[in-house]
Amino acid sequence: MHLGTAFQLIDDVLDYSGDATHTGKNLGDDLKEGKPTLPLIHVMQRGSPAQAALVRSAIERGGREEFREVLDAIRLTGALDYARSKAKEEARAASEAIAGLPGSSYRESLLELSAFAVERDY
């Protein structure tokens, strides 16, 4: 569960910071689909009332028209760094969950997957 959450949080970060040719998805697709991802939730919780209203409206309408303004709010509130930090916490929890397993190539692969989930850029 923790590994999947870490992976998804980085996916949310990449939706606002990735290179579309590298990630295989267009920037802002989550916003277009009206998905309230962690970076957007962070803006609504930590941003100014105007930033929160902008993001809420964009989510409700699936608004790509405001993408630049939403992206500015995401950057100004540190939402991507916050989401990355939460992803690292989840990856750490995933690694801790298997710490008691005996050493094996399978355990090592799971640990590597946990690290990859938060370091990836696609």
N, C-alpha and C. Protein backbone atom coordinates (compact mmCIF):
# COMPACT_ATOMS: atom_id res chain seq x y z
N MET A 1 0.82 -1.18 0.00
CA MET A 1 0.00 0.00 0.00
C MET A 1 0.88 1.26 0.00
N HIS A 2 1.89 1.29 0.85
CA HIS A 2 2.76 2.47 0.92
C HIS A 2 3.51 2.69 -0.39
N LEU A 3 3.94 1.62 -1.00
CA LEU A 3 4.66 1.73 -2.27
C LEU A 3 3.74 2.33 -3.35
N GLY A 4 2.52 1.86 -3.41
CA GLY A 4 1.57 2.38 -4.38
C GLY A 4 1.26 3.85 -4.15
N THR A 5 1.15 4.24 -2.89
CA THR A 5 0.89 5.65 -2.57
C THR A 5 2.08 6.51 -2.98
N ALA A 6 3.29 6.05 -2.68
CA ALA A 6 4.49 6.80 -3.08
C ALA A 6 4.53 6.98 -4.59
N PHE A 7 4.26 5.91 -5.31
CA PHE A 7 4.27 5.96 -6.77
C PHE A 7 3.24 6.97 -7.28
N GLN A 8 2.03 6.92 -6.72
CA GLN A 8 0.96 7.82 -7.16
C GLN A 8 1.28 9.27 -6.84
N LEU A 9 1.86 9.54 -5.68
CA LEU A 9 2.20 10.91 -5.33
C LEU A 9 3.23 11.49 -6.30
N ILE A 10 4.20 10.69 -6.70
CA ILE A 10 5.18 11.17 -7.69
C ILE A 10 4.49 11.36 -9.04
N ASP A 11 3.55 10.51 -9.37
CA ASP A 11 2.78 10.70 -10.60
C ASP A 11 2.06 12.04 -10.56
N ASP A 12 1.51 12.40 -9.41
CA ASP A 12 0.84 13.69 -9.25
C ASP A 12 1.82 14.85 -9.43
N VAL A 13 3.02 14.70 -8.89
CA VAL A 13 4.06 15.73 -9.05
C VAL A 13 4.42 15.88 -10.52
N LEU A 14 4.61 14.76 -11.20
CA LEU A 14 5.00 14.80 -12.61
C LEU A 14 3.92 15.42 -13.50
N ASP A 15 2.69 15.38 -13.05
CA ASP A 15 1.61 15.99 -13.82
C ASP A 15 1.76 17.51 -13.90
N TYR A 16 2.55 18.08 -12.99
CA TYR A 16 2.76 19.53 -12.97
C TYR A 16 4.22 19.92 -13.21
N SER A 17 5.09 18.93 -13.37
CA SER A 17 6.50 19.29 -13.52
C SER A 17 7.25 18.44 -14.54
N GLY A 18 6.63 17.41 -15.05
CA GLY A 18 7.32 16.50 -15.96
C GLY A 18 7.38 17.02 -17.38
N ASP A 19 8.16 16.34 -18.16
CA ASP A 19 8.28 16.61 -19.60
C ASP A 19 7.35 15.63 -20.31
N ALA A 20 6.38 16.15 -21.01
CA ALA A 20 5.36 15.31 -21.64
C ALA A 20 5.95 14.24 -22.55
N THR A 21 7.02 14.57 -23.26
CA THR A 21 7.62 13.56 -24.15
C THR A 21 8.30 12.46 -23.35
N HIS A 22 8.72 12.79 -22.15
CA HIS A 22 9.41 11.82 -21.31
C HIS A 22 8.42 11.02 -20.44
N THR A 23 7.40 11.71 -19.91
CA THR A 23 6.45 11.04 -19.02
C THR A 23 5.35 10.30 -19.75
N GLY A 24 5.09 10.72 -21.00
CA GLY A 24 4.02 10.08 -21.75
C GLY A 24 2.64 10.64 -21.43
N LYS A 25 2.58 11.71 -20.65
CA LYS A 25 1.31 12.35 -20.37
C LYS A 25 1.48 13.85 -20.44
N ASN A 26 0.41 14.52 -20.80
CA ASN A 26 0.45 15.97 -20.92
C ASN A 26 0.37 16.62 -19.54
N LEU A 27 1.09 17.71 -19.37
CA LEU A 27 1.00 18.46 -18.13
C LEU A 27 -0.43 18.92 -17.93
N GLY A 28 -0.91 18.79 -16.72
CA GLY A 28 -2.24 19.27 -16.39
C GLY A 28 -3.36 18.31 -16.70
N ASP A 29 -3.05 17.09 -17.11
CA ASP A 29 -4.13 16.13 -17.41
C ASP A 29 -5.00 15.87 -16.19
N ASP A 30 -4.39 15.77 -15.02
CA ASP A 30 -5.18 15.52 -13.81
C ASP A 30 -6.15 16.67 -13.54
N LEU A 31 -5.68 17.89 -13.74
CA LEU A 31 -6.54 19.06 -13.56
C LEU A 31 -7.68 19.04 -14.57
N LYS A 32 -7.35 18.72 -15.80
CA LYS A 32 -8.36 18.65 -16.87
C LYS A 32 -9.45 17.64 -16.51
N GLU A 33 -9.03 16.54 -15.85
CA GLU A 33 -9.98 15.49 -15.47
C GLU A 33 -10.66 15.79 -14.14
N GLY A 34 -10.31 16.92 -13.51
CA GLY A 34 -10.95 17.31 -12.25
C GLY A 34 -10.49 16.49 -11.05
N LYS A 35 -9.27 15.98 -11.10
CA LYS A 35 -8.75 15.16 -10.00
C LYS A 35 -8.11 16.06 -8.94
N PRO A 36 -8.59 15.98 -7.70
CA PRO A 36 -8.00 16.77 -6.62
C PRO A 36 -6.77 16.06 -6.04
N THR A 37 -5.64 16.21 -6.71
CA THR A 37 -4.41 15.55 -6.29
C THR A 37 -3.77 16.30 -5.12
N LEU A 38 -2.78 15.68 -4.47
CA LEU A 38 -2.17 16.28 -3.29
C LEU A 38 -1.59 17.67 -3.55
N PRO A 39 -0.90 17.91 -4.67
CA PRO A 39 -0.42 19.28 -4.88
C PRO A 39 -1.56 20.30 -4.89
N LEU A 40 -2.68 19.96 -5.48
CA LEU A 40 -3.81 20.87 -5.52
C LEU A 40 -4.44 21.04 -4.14
N ILE A 41 -4.55 19.95 -3.42
CA ILE A 41 -5.09 20.02 -2.06
C ILE A 41 -4.19 20.89 -1.19
N HIS A 42 -2.89 20.76 -1.37
CA HIS A 42 -1.94 21.58 -0.60
C HIS A 42 -2.16 23.07 -0.89
N VAL A 43 -2.34 23.42 -2.15
CA VAL A 43 -2.61 24.83 -2.49
C VAL A 43 -3.89 25.29 -1.81
N MET A 44 -4.91 24.47 -1.84
CA MET A 44 -6.19 24.87 -1.23
C MET A 44 -6.07 25.03 0.29
N GLN A 45 -5.18 24.25 0.91
CA GLN A 45 -5.01 24.32 2.36
C GLN A 45 -4.02 25.39 2.79
N ARG A 46 -2.98 25.62 2.00
CA ARG A 46 -1.89 26.51 2.41
C ARG A 46 -1.79 27.80 1.61
N GLY A 47 -2.46 27.86 0.48
CA GLY A 47 -2.39 29.05 -0.35
C GLY A 47 -3.30 30.15 0.16
N SER A 48 -3.26 31.25 -0.53
CA SER A 48 -4.14 32.38 -0.20
C SER A 48 -5.58 32.00 -0.53
N PRO A 49 -6.54 32.74 0.00
CA PRO A 49 -7.93 32.47 -0.37
C PRO A 49 -8.15 32.54 -1.89
N ALA A 50 -7.47 33.46 -2.56
CA ALA A 50 -7.62 33.57 -4.02
C ALA A 50 -7.04 32.33 -4.72
N GLN A 51 -5.88 31.86 -4.25
CA GLN A 51 -5.28 30.66 -4.84
C GLN A 51 -6.17 29.44 -4.62
N ALA A 52 -6.70 29.32 -3.40
CA ALA A 52 -7.58 28.18 -3.09
C ALA A 52 -8.82 28.21 -3.96
N ALA A 53 -9.40 29.38 -4.14
CA ALA A 53 -10.61 29.51 -4.96
C ALA A 53 -10.31 29.17 -6.42
N LEU A 54 -9.16 29.63 -6.91
CA LEU A 54 -8.75 29.34 -8.28
C LEU A 54 -8.64 27.83 -8.50
N VAL A 55 -7.96 27.15 -7.59
CA VAL A 55 -7.76 25.70 -7.72
C VAL A 55 -9.09 24.97 -7.59
N ARG A 56 -9.89 25.35 -6.62
CA ARG A 56 -11.20 24.69 -6.44
C ARG A 56 -12.03 24.83 -7.71
N SER A 57 -12.08 26.02 -8.27
CA SER A 57 -12.84 26.26 -9.49
C SER A 57 -12.29 25.43 -10.66
N ALA A 58 -10.98 25.38 -10.78
CA ALA A 58 -10.36 24.62 -11.87
C ALA A 58 -10.66 23.12 -11.75
N ILE A 59 -10.66 22.60 -10.52
CA ILE A 59 -10.99 21.18 -10.31
C ILE A 59 -12.44 20.93 -10.68
N GLU A 60 -13.31 21.78 -10.19
CA GLU A 60 -14.74 21.58 -10.42
C GLU A 60 -15.11 21.65 -11.90
N ARG A 61 -14.43 22.49 -12.65
CA ARG A 61 -14.76 22.68 -14.06
C ARG A 61 -13.84 21.89 -14.98
N GLY A 62 -12.83 21.20 -14.41
CA GLY A 62 -11.87 20.53 -15.27
C GLY A 62 -11.12 21.55 -16.10
N GLY A 63 -10.77 22.65 -15.46
CA GLY A 63 -10.27 23.82 -16.17
C GLY A 63 -8.80 23.79 -16.54
N ARG A 64 -8.53 23.62 -17.81
CA ARG A 64 -7.17 23.77 -18.31
C ARG A 64 -6.89 25.23 -18.66
N GLU A 65 -7.95 26.03 -18.76
CA GLU A 65 -7.77 27.44 -19.12
C GLU A 65 -6.92 28.16 -18.07
N GLU A 66 -7.07 27.78 -16.82
CA GLU A 66 -6.33 28.42 -15.74
C GLU A 66 -5.04 27.69 -15.39
N PHE A 67 -4.61 26.79 -16.25
CA PHE A 67 -3.47 25.94 -15.90
C PHE A 67 -2.25 26.76 -15.47
N ARG A 68 -1.91 27.80 -16.20
CA ARG A 68 -0.73 28.61 -15.86
C ARG A 68 -0.87 29.23 -14.47
N GLU A 69 -2.05 29.76 -14.17
CA GLU A 69 -2.27 30.36 -12.85
C GLU A 69 -2.23 29.30 -11.75
N VAL A 70 -2.81 28.15 -12.02
CA VAL A 70 -2.77 27.05 -11.04
C VAL A 70 -1.33 26.60 -10.83
N LEU A 71 -0.58 26.48 -11.91
CA LEU A 71 0.82 26.09 -11.82
C LEU A 71 1.62 27.11 -11.00
N ASP A 72 1.34 28.38 -11.19
CA ASP A 72 2.01 29.41 -10.38
C ASP A 72 1.68 29.23 -8.90
N ALA A 73 0.43 28.96 -8.58
CA ALA A 73 0.02 28.75 -7.19
C ALA A 73 0.70 27.51 -6.61
N ILE A 74 0.82 26.47 -7.41
CA ILE A 74 1.50 25.26 -6.97
C ILE A 74 2.95 25.57 -6.62
N ARG A 75 3.60 26.32 -7.48
CA ARG A 75 5.01 26.67 -7.23
C ARG A 75 5.16 27.59 -6.03
N LEU A 76 4.31 28.60 -5.93
CA LEU A 76 4.42 29.57 -4.84
C LEU A 76 4.16 28.97 -3.46
N THR A 77 3.35 27.92 -3.40
CA THR A 77 3.04 27.30 -2.11
C THR A 77 3.95 26.11 -1.79
N GLY A 78 4.86 25.77 -2.68
CA GLY A 78 5.75 24.63 -2.44
C GLY A 78 5.03 23.30 -2.48
N ALA A 79 3.94 23.24 -3.22
CA ALA A 79 3.11 22.04 -3.25
C ALA A 79 3.83 20.82 -3.81
N LEU A 80 4.70 21.03 -4.79
CA LEU A 80 5.41 19.87 -5.37
C LEU A 80 6.44 19.32 -4.39
N ASP A 81 7.15 20.20 -3.70
CA ASP A 81 8.10 19.74 -2.68
C ASP A 81 7.37 19.02 -1.57
N TYR A 82 6.21 19.53 -1.18
CA TYR A 82 5.41 18.89 -0.14
C TYR A 82 5.00 17.49 -0.58
N ALA A 83 4.50 17.36 -1.80
CA ALA A 83 4.07 16.05 -2.30
C ALA A 83 5.25 15.08 -2.41
N ARG A 84 6.40 15.59 -2.86
CA ARG A 84 7.60 14.73 -2.92
C ARG A 84 7.99 14.24 -1.53
N SER A 85 7.91 15.13 -0.56
CA SER A 85 8.23 14.76 0.82
C SER A 85 7.30 13.67 1.33
N LYS A 86 6.03 13.81 1.04
CA LYS A 86 5.06 12.78 1.45
C LYS A 86 5.33 11.46 0.72
N ALA A 87 5.72 11.53 -0.53
CA ALA A 87 6.06 10.31 -1.29
C ALA A 87 7.25 9.61 -0.65
N LYS A 88 8.24 10.38 -0.24
CA LYS A 88 9.42 9.79 0.43
C LYS A 88 9.03 9.14 1.74
N GLU A 89 8.12 9.76 2.48
CA GLU A 89 7.63 9.15 3.73
C GLU A 89 6.96 7.82 3.44
N GLU A 90 6.15 7.78 2.40
CA GLU A 90 5.46 6.53 2.04
C GLU A 90 6.45 5.46 1.60
N ALA A 91 7.46 5.86 0.83
CA ALA A 91 8.47 4.90 0.38
C ALA A 91 9.25 4.35 1.57
N ARG A 92 9.55 5.23 2.52
CA ARG A 92 10.25 4.79 3.74
C ARG A 92 9.39 3.80 4.52
N ALA A 93 8.09 4.08 4.62
CA ALA A 93 7.17 3.17 5.30
C ALA A 93 7.10 1.83 4.58
N ALA A 94 7.13 1.85 3.26
CA ALA A 94 7.11 0.61 2.48
C ALA A 94 8.37 -0.21 2.78
N SER A 95 9.51 0.46 2.84
CA SER A 95 10.77 -0.24 3.13
C SER A 95 10.76 -0.82 4.55
N GLU A 96 10.24 -0.05 5.47
CA GLU A 96 10.16 -0.51 6.86
C GLU A 96 9.22 -1.71 7.00
N ALA A 97 8.18 -1.75 6.18
CA ALA A 97 7.20 -2.83 6.25
C ALA A 97 7.81 -4.18 5.89
N ILE A 98 8.89 -4.18 5.09
CA ILE A 98 9.50 -5.45 4.71
C ILE A 98 10.84 -5.67 5.42
N ALA A 99 11.17 -4.81 6.35
CA ALA A 99 12.46 -4.90 7.04
C ALA A 99 12.64 -6.25 7.76
N GLY A 100 11.56 -6.82 8.22
CA GLY A 100 11.64 -8.08 8.94
C GLY A 100 11.76 -9.32 8.07
N LEU A 101 11.64 -9.14 6.77
CA LEU A 101 11.75 -10.29 5.88
C LEU A 101 13.21 -10.73 5.77
N PRO A 102 13.45 -12.01 5.61
CA PRO A 102 14.83 -12.46 5.45
C PRO A 102 15.45 -11.90 4.17
N GLY A 103 16.74 -11.69 4.19
CA GLY A 103 17.44 -11.18 3.02
C GLY A 103 17.29 -12.10 1.83
N SER A 104 16.98 -11.53 0.69
CA SER A 104 16.85 -12.30 -0.54
C SER A 104 16.86 -11.31 -1.71
N SER A 105 16.97 -11.84 -2.90
CA SER A 105 16.93 -10.98 -4.08
C SER A 105 15.55 -10.34 -4.22
N TYR A 106 14.51 -11.01 -3.76
CA TYR A 106 13.16 -10.47 -3.84
C TYR A 106 13.01 -9.26 -2.91
N ARG A 107 13.53 -9.41 -1.70
CA ARG A 107 13.48 -8.30 -0.73
C ARG A 107 14.27 -7.11 -1.28
N GLU A 108 15.43 -7.37 -1.82
CA GLU A 108 16.25 -6.29 -2.38
C GLU A 108 15.55 -5.61 -3.55
N SER A 109 14.87 -6.39 -4.37
CA SER A 109 14.13 -5.81 -5.49
C SER A 109 13.01 -4.90 -5.00
N LEU A 110 12.33 -5.32 -3.93
CA LEU A 110 11.28 -4.48 -3.37
C LEU A 110 11.85 -3.18 -2.81
N LEU A 111 13.00 -3.25 -2.17
CA LEU A 111 13.64 -2.04 -1.66
C LEU A 111 14.05 -1.11 -2.80
N GLU A 112 14.58 -1.69 -3.86
CA GLU A 112 14.95 -0.89 -5.03
C GLU A 112 13.72 -0.26 -5.68
N LEU A 113 12.63 -1.00 -5.73
CA LEU A 113 11.39 -0.47 -6.29
C LEU A 113 10.88 0.70 -5.47
N SER A 114 11.01 0.59 -4.16
CA SER A 114 10.60 1.66 -3.27
C SER A 114 11.40 2.93 -3.55
N ALA A 115 12.71 2.79 -3.73
CA ALA A 115 13.56 3.94 -4.05
C ALA A 115 13.21 4.50 -5.43
N PHE A 116 13.02 3.62 -6.39
CA PHE A 116 12.68 4.05 -7.75
C PHE A 116 11.37 4.85 -7.78
N ALA A 117 10.41 4.45 -6.99
CA ALA A 117 9.09 5.09 -7.00
C ALA A 117 9.19 6.59 -6.75
N VAL A 118 10.14 7.01 -5.91
CA VAL A 118 10.24 8.44 -5.59
C VAL A 118 11.33 9.16 -6.38
N GLU A 119 12.21 8.42 -7.00
CA GLU A 119 13.31 9.05 -7.77
C GLU A 119 12.99 9.17 -9.25
N ARG A 120 11.96 8.51 -9.70
CA ARG A 120 11.66 8.47 -11.13
C ARG A 120 11.25 9.84 -11.66
N ASP A 121 11.44 10.02 -12.94
CA ASP A 121 11.01 11.26 -13.58
C ASP A 121 10.15 10.97 -14.81
N TYR A 122 9.53 9.83 -14.82
CA TYR A 122 8.60 9.44 -15.87
C TYR A 122 7.54 8.52 -15.31
